[in-house]
Amino acid sequence: MDGKNRKDIYPGLEVDIILKKDQRSGALTRGIVANLLTSSAFHSRGIKVRLEDGQVGRVAQIVEEDL
């Protein structure tokens, strides 16, 4: 699942984000969402979030839990 719709993302969710410094390489950083920084319902490059460790980036994908 991609991270372009705000309704799919909430605090406590595990996600992979792209940090500003990694936009060219596309390197992903995994973490837990602390809060959402994008106020619009949809963003074409991904909803911007702050992780619990303080890093800020756009959600590239939501980590699916194995059921």
N, C-alpha and C. Protein backbone atom coordinates (compact mmCIF):
# COMPACT_ATOMS: atom_id res chain seq x y z
N MET A 1 0.85 -1.18 0.00
CA MET A 1 0.00 0.00 0.00
C MET A 1 0.89 1.24 0.00
N ASP A 2 0.59 2.18 -0.87
CA ASP A 2 1.39 3.40 -0.92
C ASP A 2 0.90 4.40 0.13
N GLY A 3 1.63 5.46 0.30
CA GLY A 3 1.31 6.43 1.35
C GLY A 3 0.80 7.75 0.82
N LYS A 4 -0.04 7.71 -0.20
CA LYS A 4 -0.51 8.94 -0.82
C LYS A 4 -1.83 9.45 -0.25
N ASN A 5 -2.57 8.59 0.45
CA ASN A 5 -3.86 8.97 1.04
C ASN A 5 -3.71 9.13 2.54
N ARG A 6 -4.08 10.31 3.04
CA ARG A 6 -3.93 10.62 4.46
C ARG A 6 -4.76 9.67 5.35
N LYS A 7 -5.91 9.24 4.85
CA LYS A 7 -6.80 8.38 5.65
C LYS A 7 -6.18 7.02 5.97
N ASP A 8 -5.15 6.60 5.21
CA ASP A 8 -4.51 5.31 5.43
C ASP A 8 -3.39 5.36 6.46
N ILE A 9 -3.03 6.57 6.90
CA ILE A 9 -1.86 6.74 7.76
C ILE A 9 -2.28 7.31 9.10
N TYR A 10 -1.73 6.77 10.18
CA TYR A 10 -2.08 7.21 11.53
C TYR A 10 -0.90 6.97 12.47
N PRO A 11 -0.84 7.70 13.58
CA PRO A 11 0.25 7.50 14.54
C PRO A 11 0.31 6.05 15.03
N GLY A 12 1.53 5.52 15.12
CA GLY A 12 1.72 4.14 15.56
C GLY A 12 1.88 3.17 14.41
N LEU A 13 1.63 3.61 13.18
CA LEU A 13 1.74 2.77 11.99
C LEU A 13 3.20 2.64 11.57
N GLU A 14 3.61 1.43 11.17
CA GLU A 14 4.97 1.23 10.67
C GLU A 14 5.00 1.51 9.18
N VAL A 15 5.92 2.39 8.77
CA VAL A 15 6.00 2.82 7.38
C VAL A 15 7.45 2.90 6.92
N ASP A 16 7.63 2.93 5.60
CA ASP A 16 8.92 3.24 4.99
C ASP A 16 8.78 4.64 4.40
N ILE A 17 9.72 5.52 4.74
CA ILE A 17 9.68 6.89 4.22
C ILE A 17 10.93 7.18 3.40
N ILE A 18 10.82 8.21 2.58
CA ILE A 18 11.98 8.73 1.86
C ILE A 18 12.33 10.07 2.48
N LEU A 19 13.52 10.17 3.03
CA LEU A 19 13.99 11.41 3.61
C LEU A 19 14.37 12.38 2.49
N LYS A 20 14.35 13.67 2.79
CA LYS A 20 14.70 14.69 1.80
C LYS A 20 16.08 14.40 1.18
N LYS A 21 17.05 14.03 2.02
CA LYS A 21 18.41 13.79 1.53
C LYS A 21 18.51 12.53 0.68
N ASP A 22 17.52 11.65 0.76
CA ASP A 22 17.53 10.39 0.01
C ASP A 22 16.63 10.41 -1.22
N GLN A 23 16.08 11.56 -1.59
CA GLN A 23 15.15 11.61 -2.71
C GLN A 23 15.79 11.17 -4.02
N ARG A 24 17.04 11.51 -4.25
CA ARG A 24 17.71 11.11 -5.49
C ARG A 24 17.98 9.61 -5.52
N SER A 25 18.44 9.06 -4.41
CA SER A 25 18.80 7.64 -4.37
C SER A 25 17.57 6.74 -4.18
N GLY A 26 16.53 7.28 -3.54
CA GLY A 26 15.34 6.49 -3.28
C GLY A 26 15.47 5.57 -2.08
N ALA A 27 16.52 5.79 -1.27
CA ALA A 27 16.73 4.95 -0.08
C ALA A 27 15.58 5.13 0.90
N LEU A 28 15.10 4.02 1.45
CA LEU A 28 13.98 4.04 2.37
C LEU A 28 14.45 3.96 3.82
N THR A 29 13.70 4.61 4.69
CA THR A 29 13.95 4.57 6.13
C THR A 29 12.69 4.05 6.79
N ARG A 30 12.81 3.00 7.61
CA ARG A 30 11.64 2.41 8.27
C ARG A 30 11.48 2.98 9.67
N GLY A 31 10.23 3.21 10.04
CA GLY A 31 9.97 3.73 11.38
C GLY A 31 8.49 3.75 11.69
N ILE A 32 8.18 4.24 12.89
CA ILE A 32 6.81 4.33 13.38
C ILE A 32 6.36 5.78 13.31
N VAL A 33 5.17 6.02 12.75
CA VAL A 33 4.64 7.38 12.60
C VAL A 33 4.34 7.98 13.97
N ALA A 34 4.87 9.18 14.22
CA ALA A 34 4.55 9.92 15.44
C ALA A 34 3.41 10.90 15.14
N ASN A 35 3.54 11.67 14.04
CA ASN A 35 2.45 12.55 13.63
C ASN A 35 2.52 12.86 12.14
N LEU A 36 1.36 13.27 11.61
CA LEU A 36 1.23 13.59 10.19
C LEU A 36 1.45 15.07 10.00
N LEU A 37 2.23 15.43 8.98
CA LEU A 37 2.54 16.83 8.72
C LEU A 37 1.80 17.39 7.51
N THR A 38 1.31 16.52 6.63
CA THR A 38 0.53 16.95 5.46
C THR A 38 -0.93 17.05 5.87
N SER A 39 -1.55 18.20 5.60
CA SER A 39 -2.95 18.39 6.01
C SER A 39 -3.95 17.98 4.94
N SER A 40 -3.51 17.93 3.67
CA SER A 40 -4.44 17.57 2.59
C SER A 40 -4.74 16.07 2.61
N ALA A 41 -5.86 15.69 2.04
CA ALA A 41 -6.30 14.29 2.04
C ALA A 41 -5.45 13.41 1.13
N PHE A 42 -4.81 14.01 0.11
CA PHE A 42 -4.02 13.25 -0.86
C PHE A 42 -2.80 14.07 -1.24
N HIS A 43 -1.67 13.39 -1.42
CA HIS A 43 -0.47 14.06 -1.95
C HIS A 43 0.20 13.10 -2.91
N SER A 44 0.50 13.58 -4.12
CA SER A 44 1.01 12.73 -5.19
C SER A 44 2.38 12.11 -4.89
N ARG A 45 3.19 12.77 -4.06
CA ARG A 45 4.51 12.22 -3.73
C ARG A 45 4.53 11.52 -2.38
N GLY A 46 3.40 11.46 -1.71
CA GLY A 46 3.33 10.79 -0.41
C GLY A 46 3.06 11.77 0.71
N ILE A 47 2.34 11.30 1.71
CA ILE A 47 2.02 12.11 2.88
C ILE A 47 3.28 12.32 3.71
N LYS A 48 3.55 13.54 4.13
CA LYS A 48 4.74 13.83 4.94
C LYS A 48 4.43 13.53 6.40
N VAL A 49 5.34 12.80 7.04
CA VAL A 49 5.17 12.40 8.44
C VAL A 49 6.45 12.63 9.22
N ARG A 50 6.30 12.68 10.56
CA ARG A 50 7.45 12.67 11.46
C ARG A 50 7.43 11.32 12.17
N LEU A 51 8.58 10.64 12.16
CA LEU A 51 8.69 9.36 12.84
C LEU A 51 8.94 9.58 14.33
N GLU A 52 8.79 8.51 15.12
CA GLU A 52 9.01 8.61 16.55
C GLU A 52 10.43 9.03 16.90
N ASP A 53 11.40 8.74 16.01
CA ASP A 53 12.79 9.14 16.27
C ASP A 53 13.10 10.55 15.78
N GLY A 54 12.08 11.26 15.25
CA GLY A 54 12.24 12.65 14.86
C GLY A 54 12.53 12.89 13.39
N GLN A 55 12.79 11.84 12.62
CA GLN A 55 13.07 12.01 11.18
C GLN A 55 11.78 12.36 10.44
N VAL A 56 11.91 13.23 9.43
CA VAL A 56 10.75 13.68 8.64
C VAL A 56 10.95 13.27 7.19
N GLY A 57 9.89 12.73 6.59
CA GLY A 57 9.94 12.35 5.18
C GLY A 57 8.56 12.01 4.67
N ARG A 58 8.52 11.64 3.39
CA ARG A 58 7.24 11.28 2.76
C ARG A 58 7.08 9.77 2.74
N VAL A 59 5.88 9.31 3.03
CA VAL A 59 5.61 7.87 3.08
C VAL A 59 5.71 7.28 1.69
N ALA A 60 6.61 6.30 1.53
CA ALA A 60 6.76 5.59 0.27
C ALA A 60 5.85 4.37 0.25
N GLN A 61 5.78 3.68 1.40
CA GLN A 61 4.89 2.53 1.49
C GLN A 61 4.58 2.24 2.95
N ILE A 62 3.43 1.60 3.14
CA ILE A 62 3.01 1.19 4.46
C ILE A 62 3.45 -0.26 4.64
N VAL A 63 4.07 -0.55 5.77
CA VAL A 63 4.56 -1.90 6.03
C VAL A 63 3.38 -2.78 6.43
N GLU A 64 3.15 -3.80 5.63
CA GLU A 64 2.03 -4.72 5.88
C GLU A 64 2.42 -5.71 6.96
N GLU A 65 1.53 -5.92 7.91
CA GLU A 65 1.79 -6.90 8.96
C GLU A 65 1.44 -8.28 8.44
N ASP A 66 2.24 -9.26 8.81
CA ASP A 66 1.95 -10.64 8.43
C ASP A 66 0.88 -11.18 9.37
N LEU A 67 -0.21 -11.63 8.80
CA LEU A 67 -1.32 -12.17 9.62
C LEU A 67 -1.31 -13.67 9.59
